Amino acid sequence: MITEGRIVRLAERARAKERFFLDGEMRGALAGDTVLTAILASGHVLRKSEFGPEPRAGFCLMGACQDCWVWQEEGPRLRACSTPVTDGMRLRTTPPESWP
């Protein structure tokens, strides 16, 4: 279900809470969420489309299309749809060459 431009969690809300950072802002997640689920459920989009201003939210959601890459602040990228979020994780939605 999407309400006011974001995903609303309807089930499994009793799992342990975790925190991660996305583009420098602290966000909340639940233990066991993938990075993509955590990003979308926290009210953020995955990234902007490289072809226009539209927001992106992943495509295949199973690790096949490579549309959901995000970067760890240490530099390496990861697939948001198949990587579990961990407490304290620091992520960026843009590639390292665009960081200040």
Protein backbone atom coordinates (compact mmCIF):
# COMPACT_ATOMS: atom_id res chain seq x y z
CA MET A 1 0.00 0.00 0.00
CA ILE A 2 1.34 3.45 -0.84
CA THR A 3 0.14 6.47 1.10
CA GLU A 4 1.29 10.05 0.44
CA GLY A 5 4.12 8.93 -1.83
CA ARG A 6 5.62 6.32 0.47
CA ILE A 7 5.25 2.68 1.33
CA VAL A 8 3.38 1.81 4.51
CA ARG A 9 4.33 -1.38 6.35
CA LEU A 10 1.21 -3.47 6.94
CA ALA A 11 2.67 -6.55 8.65
CA GLU A 12 5.61 -7.73 10.75
CA ARG A 13 6.05 -4.49 12.64
CA ALA A 14 7.21 -6.24 15.84
CA ARG A 15 10.74 -7.10 14.61
CA ALA A 16 13.77 -5.45 16.24
CA LYS A 17 14.44 -1.91 15.06
CA GLU A 18 17.68 -0.96 13.34
CA ARG A 19 19.06 2.37 12.19
CA PHE A 20 21.02 3.14 9.06
CA PHE A 21 22.22 6.29 7.35
CA LEU A 22 21.13 7.21 3.83
CA ASP A 23 22.82 10.18 2.21
CA GLY A 24 23.87 11.35 5.68
CA GLU A 25 20.39 11.14 7.25
CA MET A 26 19.49 8.58 9.90
CA ARG A 27 16.67 6.27 8.85
CA GLY A 28 14.86 3.42 10.56
CA ALA A 29 14.46 -0.19 9.48
CA LEU A 30 13.41 -3.52 10.90
CA ALA A 31 15.77 -6.46 11.40
CA GLY A 32 15.63 -8.69 8.32
CA ASP A 33 14.68 -5.92 5.87
CA THR A 34 16.64 -5.67 2.67
CA VAL A 35 18.34 -2.34 2.03
CA LEU A 36 15.74 -1.62 -0.66
CA THR A 37 12.82 -2.32 1.69
CA ALA A 38 14.43 -0.17 4.39
CA ILE A 39 14.97 2.73 1.98
CA LEU A 40 11.46 2.64 0.54
CA ALA A 41 9.75 2.08 3.92
CA SER A 42 11.65 5.04 5.40
CA GLY A 43 10.00 7.37 2.89
CA HIS A 44 12.90 7.77 0.48
CA VAL A 45 13.30 6.76 -3.15
CA LEU A 46 16.20 4.64 -4.31
CA ARG A 47 17.56 7.27 -6.69
CA LYS A 48 16.62 9.54 -9.58
CA SER A 49 16.41 8.11 -13.09
CA GLU A 50 19.45 8.70 -15.24
CA PHE A 51 17.07 9.54 -18.11
CA GLY A 52 14.98 12.20 -16.38
CA PRO A 53 13.79 13.62 -13.04
CA GLU A 54 11.60 10.64 -12.14
CA PRO A 55 12.30 8.71 -8.93
CA ARG A 56 13.41 5.07 -9.10
CA ALA A 57 12.47 2.29 -6.69
CA GLY A 58 14.22 -0.76 -8.15
CA PHE A 59 12.94 -2.87 -11.01
CA CYS A 60 13.08 -6.67 -10.70
CA LEU A 61 13.49 -6.82 -6.89
CA MET A 62 15.43 -10.11 -7.11
CA GLY A 63 19.01 -9.14 -8.01
CA ALA A 64 18.86 -9.73 -11.75
CA CYS A 65 18.47 -6.28 -13.35
CA GLN A 66 21.16 -4.24 -11.52
CA ASP A 67 18.79 -1.26 -11.18
CA CYS A 68 19.09 -1.00 -7.40
CA TRP A 69 22.79 -0.29 -6.83
CA VAL A 70 23.61 1.91 -3.84
CA TRP A 71 27.04 2.70 -2.42
CA GLN A 72 28.48 2.21 1.01
CA GLU A 73 30.25 5.30 2.34
CA GLU A 74 33.46 3.26 2.23
CA GLY A 75 32.98 3.18 -1.57
CA PRO A 76 31.88 -0.35 -2.59
CA ARG A 77 28.46 -0.66 -4.15
CA LEU A 78 25.83 -3.24 -3.29
CA ARG A 79 22.49 -4.43 -4.59
CA ALA A 80 19.80 -2.94 -2.38
CA CYS A 81 17.21 -5.60 -3.24
CA SER A 82 19.27 -8.56 -2.02
CA THR A 83 21.45 -7.11 0.77
CA PRO A 84 20.14 -7.18 4.34
CA VAL A 85 20.26 -3.84 6.15
CA THR A 86 22.50 -3.80 9.22
CA ASP A 87 22.42 -1.49 12.19
CA GLY A 88 24.66 1.54 11.58
CA MET A 89 25.05 0.90 7.84
CA ARG A 90 26.05 4.07 5.94
CA LEU A 91 24.73 4.26 2.37
CA ARG A 92 24.63 6.73 -0.50
CA THR A 93 22.28 6.83 -3.47
CA THR A 94 24.86 8.43 -5.78
CA PRO A 95 28.23 7.06 -6.96
CA PRO A 96 31.43 8.09 -5.11
CA GLU A 97 32.63 10.36 -7.93
CA SER A 98 29.70 12.70 -7.22
CA TRP A 99 30.41 13.00 -3.46
CA PRO A 100 31.81 16.28 -2.10
